[in-house]
Amino acid sequence: MQSKTDDLNIIPKGVGLRIHSGKSKVLRSGAETQEAIILGTDALEKVVSFTYLGSIIDLKGGTDADIKAIIGKARSTYTQLQRIWKAGNISQKIKIRLYNSDVKSVLLYG
């Protein structure tokens, strides 16, 4: 893995780019060795999970953490609309439309 990281550091320099070692992280899943990965002169930080394109990636490789996060976001959205759910002057049809557009869209699309 260190040789791939070295290539990742050298090749972009040919076109004027550089990899920021402070923003780069290492997540090892099923790796036999646990030695530090060096980028330039800095050791990259090891992490157990991170978010990539809105999805949570962790050591287990499953989707449990991602699904729990999405459900939490939908629950939060639902809770923020409590005043609307309890309002007597808003029709049930409007409440259903709000639920579908706000809560359901967060649940299905993050």
C-alpha atoms as a PDB file:
ATOM      1  CA  MET A   1       0.000   0.000   0.000  1.00  0.00           C
ATOM      2  CA  GLN A   2       2.920   2.317   0.660  1.00  0.00           C
ATOM      3  CA  SER A   3       4.122   2.006  -2.960  1.00  0.00           C
ATOM      4  CA  LYS A   4       0.660   2.996  -4.255  1.00  0.00           C
ATOM      5  CA  THR A   5       0.661   5.989  -1.899  1.00  0.00           C
ATOM      6  CA  ASP A   6       4.118   7.002  -3.162  1.00  0.00           C
ATOM      7  CA  ASP A   7       2.825   6.855  -6.755  1.00  0.00           C
ATOM      8  CA  LEU A   8      -0.214   8.904  -5.698  1.00  0.00           C
ATOM      9  CA  ASN A   9       2.162  11.530  -4.339  1.00  0.00           C
ATOM     10  CA  ILE A  10       4.572  11.604  -7.316  1.00  0.00           C
ATOM     11  CA  ILE A  11       2.355  11.332 -10.426  1.00  0.00           C
ATOM     12  CA  PRO A  12       0.118  14.400  -9.751  1.00  0.00           C
ATOM     13  CA  LYS A  13       3.205  16.560  -9.224  1.00  0.00           C
ATOM     14  CA  GLY A  14       3.920  16.151 -12.942  1.00  0.00           C
ATOM     15  CA  VAL A  15       0.848  18.267 -13.720  1.00  0.00           C
ATOM     16  CA  GLY A  16       1.240  20.705 -10.830  1.00  0.00           C
ATOM     17  CA  LEU A  17      -1.034  19.050  -8.274  1.00  0.00           C
ATOM     18  CA  ARG A  18      -0.252  17.821  -4.788  1.00  0.00           C
ATOM     19  CA  ILE A  19      -2.018  15.617  -2.260  1.00  0.00           C
ATOM     20  CA  HIS A  20      -2.671  17.356   1.070  1.00  0.00           C
ATOM     21  CA  SER A  21      -1.441  14.993   3.787  1.00  0.00           C
ATOM     22  CA  GLY A  22      -3.458  16.774   6.472  1.00  0.00           C
ATOM     23  CA  LYS A  23      -6.725  16.069   4.677  1.00  0.00           C
ATOM     24  CA  SER A  24      -5.892  12.498   3.623  1.00  0.00           C
ATOM     25  CA  LYS A  25      -6.909   9.578   5.824  1.00  0.00           C
ATOM     26  CA  VAL A  26      -6.331   5.797   5.817  1.00  0.00           C
ATOM     27  CA  LEU A  27      -9.023   3.178   6.394  1.00  0.00           C
ATOM     28  CA  ARG A  28      -7.741  -0.395   6.353  1.00  0.00           C
ATOM     29  CA  SER A  29     -10.246  -3.176   6.058  1.00  0.00           C
ATOM     30  CA  GLY A  30      -8.879  -6.698   6.449  1.00  0.00           C
ATOM     31  CA  ALA A  31      -5.247  -5.573   6.196  1.00  0.00           C
ATOM     32  CA  GLU A  32      -2.614  -7.924   7.568  1.00  0.00           C
ATOM     33  CA  THR A  33      -0.150  -5.178   8.503  1.00  0.00           C
ATOM     34  CA  GLN A  34      -0.857  -2.064  10.535  1.00  0.00           C
ATOM     35  CA  GLU A  35       2.271  -0.038   9.762  1.00  0.00           C
ATOM     36  CA  ALA A  36       1.864   3.670   9.146  1.00  0.00           C
ATOM     37  CA  ILE A  37       1.349   4.963   5.601  1.00  0.00           C
ATOM     38  CA  ILE A  38       3.635   7.895   4.791  1.00  0.00           C
ATOM     39  CA  LEU A  39       2.748  10.621   2.269  1.00  0.00           C
ATOM     40  CA  GLY A  40       5.810  12.735   1.633  1.00  0.00           C
ATOM     41  CA  THR A  41       7.145  13.245   5.147  1.00  0.00           C
ATOM     42  CA  ASP A  42       3.867  12.922   7.093  1.00  0.00           C
ATOM     43  CA  ALA A  43       2.152   9.784   8.390  1.00  0.00           C
ATOM     44  CA  LEU A  44      -1.497   9.633   7.313  1.00  0.00           C
ATOM     45  CA  GLU A  45      -4.141   9.499  10.036  1.00  0.00           C
ATOM     46  CA  LYS A  46      -5.858   6.135  10.552  1.00  0.00           C
ATOM     47  CA  VAL A  47      -9.660   6.234  10.834  1.00  0.00           C
ATOM     48  CA  VAL A  48     -12.358   3.634  11.492  1.00  0.00           C
ATOM     49  CA  SER A  49     -15.048   5.346   9.372  1.00  0.00           C
ATOM     50  CA  PHE A  50     -15.494   8.295   7.015  1.00  0.00           C
ATOM     51  CA  THR A  51     -18.121   9.868   4.789  1.00  0.00           C
ATOM     52  CA  TYR A  52     -17.666   9.637   1.021  1.00  0.00           C
ATOM     53  CA  LEU A  53     -20.237  11.159  -1.335  1.00  0.00           C
ATOM     54  CA  GLY A  54     -22.767  11.215   1.493  1.00  0.00           C
ATOM     55  CA  SER A  55     -22.343   7.534   2.438  1.00  0.00           C
ATOM     56  CA  ILE A  56     -20.638   6.330   5.596  1.00  0.00           C
ATOM     57  CA  ILE A  57     -17.811   3.863   4.966  1.00  0.00           C
ATOM     58  CA  ASP A  58     -16.561   1.855   7.957  1.00  0.00           C
ATOM     59  CA  LEU A  59     -14.352  -1.115   8.794  1.00  0.00           C
ATOM     60  CA  LYS A  60     -17.253  -3.561   8.655  1.00  0.00           C
ATOM     61  CA  GLY A  61     -18.024  -2.603   5.073  1.00  0.00           C
ATOM     62  CA  GLY A  62     -21.769  -2.833   5.665  1.00  0.00           C
ATOM     63  CA  THR A  63     -24.491  -0.247   5.384  1.00  0.00           C
ATOM     64  CA  ASP A  64     -25.702  -0.262   9.005  1.00  0.00           C
ATOM     65  CA  ALA A  65     -24.055   3.028   9.983  1.00  0.00           C
ATOM     66  CA  ASP A  66     -25.229   4.687   6.771  1.00  0.00           C
ATOM     67  CA  ILE A  67     -28.835   3.559   7.235  1.00  0.00           C
ATOM     68  CA  LYS A  68     -28.870   4.672  10.884  1.00  0.00           C
ATOM     69  CA  ALA A  69     -27.580   8.115   9.857  1.00  0.00           C
ATOM     70  CA  ILE A  70     -30.261   8.499   7.164  1.00  0.00           C
ATOM     71  CA  ILE A  71     -33.037   7.427   9.554  1.00  0.00           C
ATOM     72  CA  GLY A  72     -31.708   9.932  12.100  1.00  0.00           C
ATOM     73  CA  LYS A  73     -31.837  12.737   9.530  1.00  0.00           C
ATOM     74  CA  ALA A  74     -35.422  11.828   8.568  1.00  0.00           C
ATOM     75  CA  ARG A  75     -36.421  11.658  12.250  1.00  0.00           C
ATOM     76  CA  SER A  76     -34.898  15.086  12.808  1.00  0.00           C
ATOM     77  CA  THR A  77     -36.805  16.517   9.845  1.00  0.00           C
ATOM     78  CA  TYR A  78     -40.044  14.987  11.126  1.00  0.00           C
ATOM     79  CA  THR A  79     -39.442  16.428  14.600  1.00  0.00           C
ATOM     80  CA  GLN A  80     -38.789  19.912  13.209  1.00  0.00           C
ATOM     81  CA  LEU A  81     -42.267  19.832  11.672  1.00  0.00           C
ATOM     82  CA  GLN A  82     -44.078  18.953  14.939  1.00  0.00           C
ATOM     83  CA  ARG A  83     -45.909  22.295  15.029  1.00  0.00           C
ATOM     84  CA  ILE A  84     -47.346  21.594  11.591  1.00  0.00           C
ATOM     85  CA  TRP A  85     -48.402  18.030  12.517  1.00  0.00           C
ATOM     86  CA  LYS A  86     -50.266  19.367  15.575  1.00  0.00           C
ATOM     87  CA  ALA A  87     -51.818  22.359  13.827  1.00  0.00           C
ATOM     88  CA  GLY A  88     -55.579  22.032  13.535  1.00  0.00           C
ATOM     89  CA  ASN A  89     -55.957  24.664  10.840  1.00  0.00           C
ATOM     90  CA  ILE A  90     -53.822  22.770   8.287  1.00  0.00           C
ATOM     91  CA  SER A  91     -55.611  20.082   6.292  1.00  0.00           C
ATOM     92  CA  GLN A  92     -54.510  16.460   6.335  1.00  0.00           C
ATOM     93  CA  LYS A  93     -53.893  16.657   2.581  1.00  0.00           C
ATOM     94  CA  ILE A  94     -51.341  19.454   3.073  1.00  0.00           C
ATOM     95  CA  LYS A  95     -49.684  17.544   5.925  1.00  0.00           C
ATOM     96  CA  ILE A  96     -49.326  14.463   3.721  1.00  0.00           C
ATOM     97  CA  ARG A  97     -47.814  16.558   0.933  1.00  0.00           C
ATOM     98  CA  LEU A  98     -45.326  18.077   3.408  1.00  0.00           C
ATOM     99  CA  TYR A  99     -44.470  14.633   4.754  1.00  0.00           C
ATOM    100  CA  ASN A 100     -43.858  13.287   1.245  1.00  0.00           C
ATOM    101  CA  SER A 101     -41.823  16.275   0.096  1.00  0.00           C
ATOM    102  CA  ASP A 102     -39.752  16.849   3.253  1.00  0.00           C
ATOM    103  CA  VAL A 103     -39.506  13.732   5.437  1.00  0.00           C
ATOM    104  CA  LYS A 104     -39.850  11.004   2.826  1.00  0.00           C
ATOM    105  CA  SER A 105     -37.379  12.635   0.445  1.00  0.00           C
ATOM    106  CA  VAL A 106     -34.740  12.834   3.201  1.00  0.00           C
ATOM    107  CA  LEU A 107     -35.367   9.183   4.080  1.00  0.00           C
ATOM    108  CA  LEU A 108     -35.132   7.946   0.502  1.00  0.00           C
ATOM    109  CA  TYR A 109     -32.433  10.217  -0.890  1.00  0.00           C
ATOM    110  CA  GLY A 110     -30.468  11.340   2.209  1.00  0.00           C
END
